[in-house]
């Protein structure tokens, strides 16, 4: 199957090829490879979202606690995804309100790009967040995650909102110039930080054939693929979510080198 460069790896409205669930719910099993096409990116598919009036996708924090509270990274997502994305549990609320209301968790796709070369050397896409990005509490932090909020506008035209919102965020922030495969790798929760208390991350690992991911946003600075061992040697400047993900997904591998 082909997709446009930079498109999120979920065919809108398609069923999971493993278990048959709708793709908006079955984020775990979707691992089909995606290839480049020469079609131009259709930027007109998305509408600019006014941050002052933005309504974002949230679930009650109580639901997350009921499903199984954890601090840090959880790779066992089967027990969470169906309930978190069930229409009865999802609402869209003003972002200005939920950013300071720990009674709700904003669900955020968080995409990590990984490249493994012919010598089995692993690198990840890393960048520094500029001061023009939306979340002020993360400015000037290094990050390995691309993604953002799912907005009420992503429900237009009957699309699966998580898929459409993730596609929109990726196409706004980066250009993916290489084939890749993708899978859901886990969830992040960090109640030890102010920003983490009101967000819940859904981690997607993109394995790219070539290290060809480039920033589109001017506030994605100093971007490029870096050897994972080099990144792991100094986690101090990373945003918390990135540090949590790297230690969970790559920590043991780098310790054995």
Protein backbone atom coordinates (compact mmCIF):
# COMPACT_ATOMS: atom_id res chain seq x y z
CA UNK A 1 0.00 0.00 0.00
CA UNK A 2 1.21 3.50 -0.79
CA UNK A 3 0.83 6.72 1.12
CA UNK A 4 1.96 10.26 0.62
CA UNK A 5 5.30 11.32 2.03
CA UNK A 6 4.84 12.34 5.62
CA UNK A 7 1.45 10.65 5.99
CA UNK A 8 0.61 8.93 9.23
CA UNK A 9 0.74 5.12 8.85
CA UNK A 10 -2.97 4.42 9.24
CA UNK A 11 -5.27 4.04 6.22
CA UNK A 12 -8.27 6.11 7.26
CA UNK A 13 -11.24 3.91 7.99
CA UNK A 14 -9.39 0.64 7.29
CA UNK A 15 -9.59 -2.43 9.51
CA UNK A 16 -6.67 -3.89 11.41
CA UNK A 17 -4.98 -6.58 9.31
CA UNK A 18 -4.37 -8.70 12.43
CA UNK A 19 -7.53 -8.61 14.54
CA UNK A 20 -10.11 -6.86 12.35
CA UNK A 21 -10.78 -3.94 14.71
CA UNK A 22 -11.20 -0.49 13.28
CA UNK A 23 -7.82 1.18 12.84
CA UNK A 24 -8.78 4.10 15.05
CA UNK A 25 -8.84 1.67 17.97
CA UNK A 26 -6.33 -1.00 16.98
CA UNK A 27 -3.15 1.04 17.07
CA UNK A 28 -1.11 -1.90 18.33
CA UNK A 29 -1.29 -4.27 15.37
CA UNK A 30 -1.01 -1.79 12.49
CA UNK A 31 2.47 -2.55 11.09
CA UNK A 32 1.97 -2.49 7.33
CA UNK A 33 4.92 -0.97 5.40
CA UNK A 34 4.41 2.39 3.72
CA UNK A 35 6.26 3.53 0.64
CA UNK A 36 7.02 6.78 -1.08
CA UNK A 37 4.91 8.16 -3.90
CA UNK A 38 5.59 11.10 -6.13
CA UNK A 39 2.19 12.64 -5.47
CA UNK A 40 2.32 16.17 -4.03
CA UNK A 41 1.35 16.65 -0.40
CA UNK A 42 -2.26 17.82 -0.14
CA UNK A 43 -1.95 20.55 2.43
CA UNK A 44 -5.46 21.76 1.69
CA UNK A 45 -6.83 18.66 3.42
CA UNK A 46 -6.23 20.27 6.81
CA UNK A 47 -7.39 23.52 8.34
CA UNK A 48 -5.35 25.82 10.54
CA UNK A 49 -6.42 25.43 14.15
CA UNK A 50 -6.81 28.56 16.28
CA UNK A 51 -4.97 27.87 19.52
CA UNK A 52 -7.19 30.34 21.39
CA UNK A 53 -10.36 28.35 20.63
CA UNK A 54 -8.89 24.87 20.13
CA UNK A 55 -10.79 21.93 21.61
CA UNK A 56 -8.70 18.82 22.11
CA UNK A 57 -9.34 15.12 22.65
CA UNK A 58 -9.28 14.06 26.30
CA UNK A 59 -10.27 11.12 28.50
CA UNK A 60 -11.02 11.23 32.23
CA UNK A 61 -7.93 10.64 34.35
CA UNK A 62 -10.11 8.39 36.49
CA UNK A 63 -10.50 6.05 33.48
CA UNK A 64 -6.74 5.78 33.13
CA UNK A 65 -6.43 4.92 36.83
CA UNK A 66 -9.18 2.33 36.53
CA UNK A 67 -7.51 0.64 33.55
CA UNK A 68 -4.23 0.39 35.44
CA UNK A 69 -2.20 3.34 36.67
CA UNK A 70 1.52 3.44 35.94
CA UNK A 71 4.28 6.04 36.12
CA UNK A 72 6.70 6.10 33.21
CA UNK A 73 6.46 3.73 30.24
CA UNK A 74 4.08 0.81 29.66
CA UNK A 75 4.63 -1.53 26.72
CA UNK A 76 1.52 -3.61 27.38
CA UNK A 77 -1.07 -1.48 25.59
CA UNK A 78 -3.75 -4.07 24.79
CA UNK A 79 -5.58 -3.41 28.04
CA UNK A 80 -5.74 0.34 27.43
CA UNK A 81 -6.34 1.26 23.80
CA UNK A 82 -9.89 -0.01 23.29
CA UNK A 83 -11.18 1.82 26.36
CA UNK A 84 -9.15 4.99 25.85
CA UNK A 85 -10.44 5.43 22.30
CA UNK A 86 -14.00 4.25 22.89
CA UNK A 87 -16.39 7.03 21.79
CA UNK A 88 -18.18 6.99 25.15
CA UNK A 89 -14.95 7.88 26.96
CA UNK A 90 -13.66 10.59 24.62
CA UNK A 91 -14.64 14.26 24.73
CA UNK A 92 -13.26 17.46 23.20
CA UNK A 93 -12.65 20.27 25.66
CA UNK A 94 -11.01 23.70 25.47
CA UNK A 95 -7.26 23.24 25.49
CA UNK A 96 -6.81 26.32 27.67
CA UNK A 97 -8.85 24.57 30.39
CA UNK A 98 -7.50 21.02 30.25
CA UNK A 99 -3.86 22.18 30.22
CA UNK A 100 -4.35 23.04 33.89
CA UNK A 101 -6.94 20.38 34.85
CA UNK A 102 -5.41 17.05 35.98
CA UNK A 103 -8.90 15.55 35.94
CA UNK A 104 -8.39 14.88 32.23
CA UNK A 105 -5.62 13.36 30.15
CA UNK A 106 -4.99 14.71 26.66
CA UNK A 107 -4.10 11.81 24.35
CA UNK A 108 -0.99 12.66 22.32
CA UNK A 109 0.56 10.60 19.48
CA UNK A 110 4.33 10.56 19.99
CA UNK A 111 6.30 9.28 16.99
CA UNK A 112 9.92 8.13 17.24
CA UNK A 113 11.86 7.60 14.00
CA UNK A 114 14.47 4.82 14.11
CA UNK A 115 17.00 3.84 11.44
CA UNK A 116 19.14 0.71 11.48
CA UNK A 117 21.97 0.62 8.94
CA UNK A 118 23.58 -2.37 7.24
CA UNK A 119 26.01 -2.76 10.14
CA UNK A 120 23.07 -2.91 12.62
CA UNK A 121 23.91 0.54 14.02
CA UNK A 122 20.80 2.26 15.36
CA UNK A 123 20.10 5.98 15.16
CA UNK A 124 17.04 8.06 16.08
CA UNK A 125 15.69 11.37 14.83
CA UNK A 126 16.38 14.09 17.40
CA UNK A 127 15.79 17.84 17.45
CA UNK A 128 15.52 20.87 19.72
CA UNK A 129 12.15 22.53 20.30
CA UNK A 130 12.14 26.19 19.36
CA UNK A 131 10.32 28.90 21.27
CA UNK A 132 7.61 29.16 18.62
CA UNK A 133 6.15 25.71 19.30
CA UNK A 134 2.84 25.55 21.14
CA UNK A 135 3.79 23.98 24.48
CA UNK A 136 5.84 26.63 26.26
CA UNK A 137 6.89 24.25 29.04
CA UNK A 138 8.93 22.26 26.49
CA UNK A 139 10.73 25.12 24.75
CA UNK A 140 14.49 24.62 24.20
CA UNK A 141 14.24 20.96 25.20
CA UNK A 142 15.74 18.22 23.04
CA UNK A 143 13.22 15.68 21.83
CA UNK A 144 12.94 12.45 19.85
CA UNK A 145 9.14 12.62 19.58
CA UNK A 146 7.00 14.14 16.84
CA UNK A 147 3.27 14.63 17.40
CA UNK A 148 0.68 16.79 19.07
CA UNK A 149 -2.90 17.25 20.15
CA UNK A 150 -5.91 15.68 18.45
CA UNK A 151 -8.41 18.48 17.80
CA UNK A 152 -12.18 18.56 17.41
CA UNK A 153 -11.59 19.71 13.82
CA UNK A 154 -10.08 16.27 13.13
CA UNK A 155 -13.56 14.74 13.39
CA UNK A 156 -14.75 16.48 10.20
CA UNK A 157 -15.95 14.44 7.22
CA UNK A 158 -16.40 11.30 9.28
CA UNK A 159 -12.68 10.59 9.57
CA UNK A 160 -11.21 8.63 12.47
CA UNK A 161 -10.02 11.61 14.55
CA UNK A 162 -6.90 10.09 16.09
CA UNK A 163 -5.65 8.95 12.68
CA UNK A 164 -6.45 12.22 10.98
CA UNK A 165 -4.98 14.28 13.80
CA UNK A 166 -1.79 12.26 13.82
CA UNK A 167 -1.51 12.58 10.04
CA UNK A 168 -2.03 16.34 10.34
CA UNK A 169 0.61 16.74 13.05
CA UNK A 170 3.20 14.74 11.12
CA UNK A 171 2.60 16.57 7.87
CA UNK A 172 2.84 19.92 9.64
CA UNK A 173 6.10 19.11 11.40
CA UNK A 174 8.22 16.81 9.20
CA UNK A 175 8.70 15.43 5.72
CA UNK A 176 9.26 11.69 5.55
CA UNK A 177 11.21 10.91 2.38
CA UNK A 178 11.65 7.18 2.88
CA UNK A 179 9.61 3.97 3.12
CA UNK A 180 8.94 2.87 6.67
CA UNK A 181 7.03 0.46 8.87
CA UNK A 182 5.28 1.47 12.08
CA UNK A 183 3.93 -0.03 15.25
CA UNK A 184 2.52 1.17 18.54
CA UNK A 185 5.30 0.64 21.08
CA UNK A 186 3.63 1.71 24.32
CA UNK A 187 2.18 4.48 26.46
CA UNK A 188 3.85 7.25 28.47
CA UNK A 189 2.54 8.75 31.69
CA UNK A 190 4.53 11.22 33.76
CA UNK A 191 2.65 12.60 36.74
CA UNK A 192 5.87 13.95 38.23
CA UNK A 193 5.90 16.97 35.92
CA UNK A 194 3.38 19.76 35.42
CA UNK A 195 2.95 19.12 31.71
CA UNK A 196 2.91 15.34 32.15
CA UNK A 197 0.03 15.35 34.64
CA UNK A 198 -2.41 16.46 31.95
CA UNK A 199 -1.17 14.32 29.05
CA UNK A 200 -0.95 10.64 28.12
CA UNK A 201 1.35 9.71 25.25
CA UNK A 202 0.74 6.98 22.68
CA UNK A 203 4.19 6.00 21.42
CA UNK A 204 4.62 4.98 17.78
CA UNK A 205 7.94 3.60 16.53
CA UNK A 206 8.63 4.28 12.84
CA UNK A 207 11.39 2.13 11.35
CA UNK A 208 12.66 3.98 8.28
CA UNK A 209 14.62 2.44 5.41
CA UNK A 210 16.77 5.54 5.08
CA UNK A 211 17.54 8.34 7.58
CA UNK A 212 15.51 10.77 5.48
CA UNK A 213 13.25 12.77 7.80
CA UNK A 214 13.44 16.54 7.55
CA UNK A 215 11.74 19.31 9.53
CA UNK A 216 9.01 21.45 7.98
CA UNK A 217 8.44 23.70 10.99
CA UNK A 218 11.05 26.42 11.53
CA UNK A 219 10.95 25.73 15.28
CA UNK A 220 12.21 22.18 14.85
CA UNK A 221 15.89 23.03 15.30
CA UNK A 222 19.18 21.11 15.06
CA UNK A 223 17.30 18.15 13.61
CA UNK A 224 18.79 14.91 12.34
CA UNK A 225 19.52 11.28 13.06
CA UNK A 226 22.01 10.61 15.87
CA UNK A 227 23.46 7.27 17.00
CA UNK A 228 21.35 5.94 19.84
CA UNK A 229 24.41 5.25 21.99
CA UNK A 230 25.42 8.90 21.67
CA UNK A 231 21.94 10.12 22.60
CA UNK A 232 21.76 7.77 25.58
CA UNK A 233 25.04 9.04 27.03
CA UNK A 234 23.40 12.35 27.93
CA UNK A 235 19.67 12.44 28.64
CA UNK A 236 19.86 15.59 30.76
CA UNK A 237 18.70 18.03 28.07
CA UNK A 238 15.84 15.89 26.83
CA UNK A 239 12.18 16.49 27.59
CA UNK A 240 10.92 13.95 30.11
CA UNK A 241 8.84 11.91 27.67
CA UNK A 242 11.84 11.40 25.37
CA UNK A 243 14.07 10.29 28.24
CA UNK A 244 11.39 7.86 29.46
CA UNK A 245 10.95 6.37 25.97
CA UNK A 246 14.64 6.03 25.23
CA UNK A 247 15.40 4.28 28.49
CA UNK A 248 12.45 1.90 28.03
CA UNK A 249 13.01 1.10 24.35
CA UNK A 250 16.80 1.34 24.01
CA UNK A 251 18.33 1.33 27.49
CA UNK A 252 19.22 -2.36 27.72
CA UNK A 253 20.54 -2.49 24.15
CA UNK A 254 22.98 0.39 24.71
CA UNK A 255 24.16 -1.03 28.04
CA UNK A 256 25.33 -4.24 26.33
CA UNK A 257 27.57 -2.41 23.83
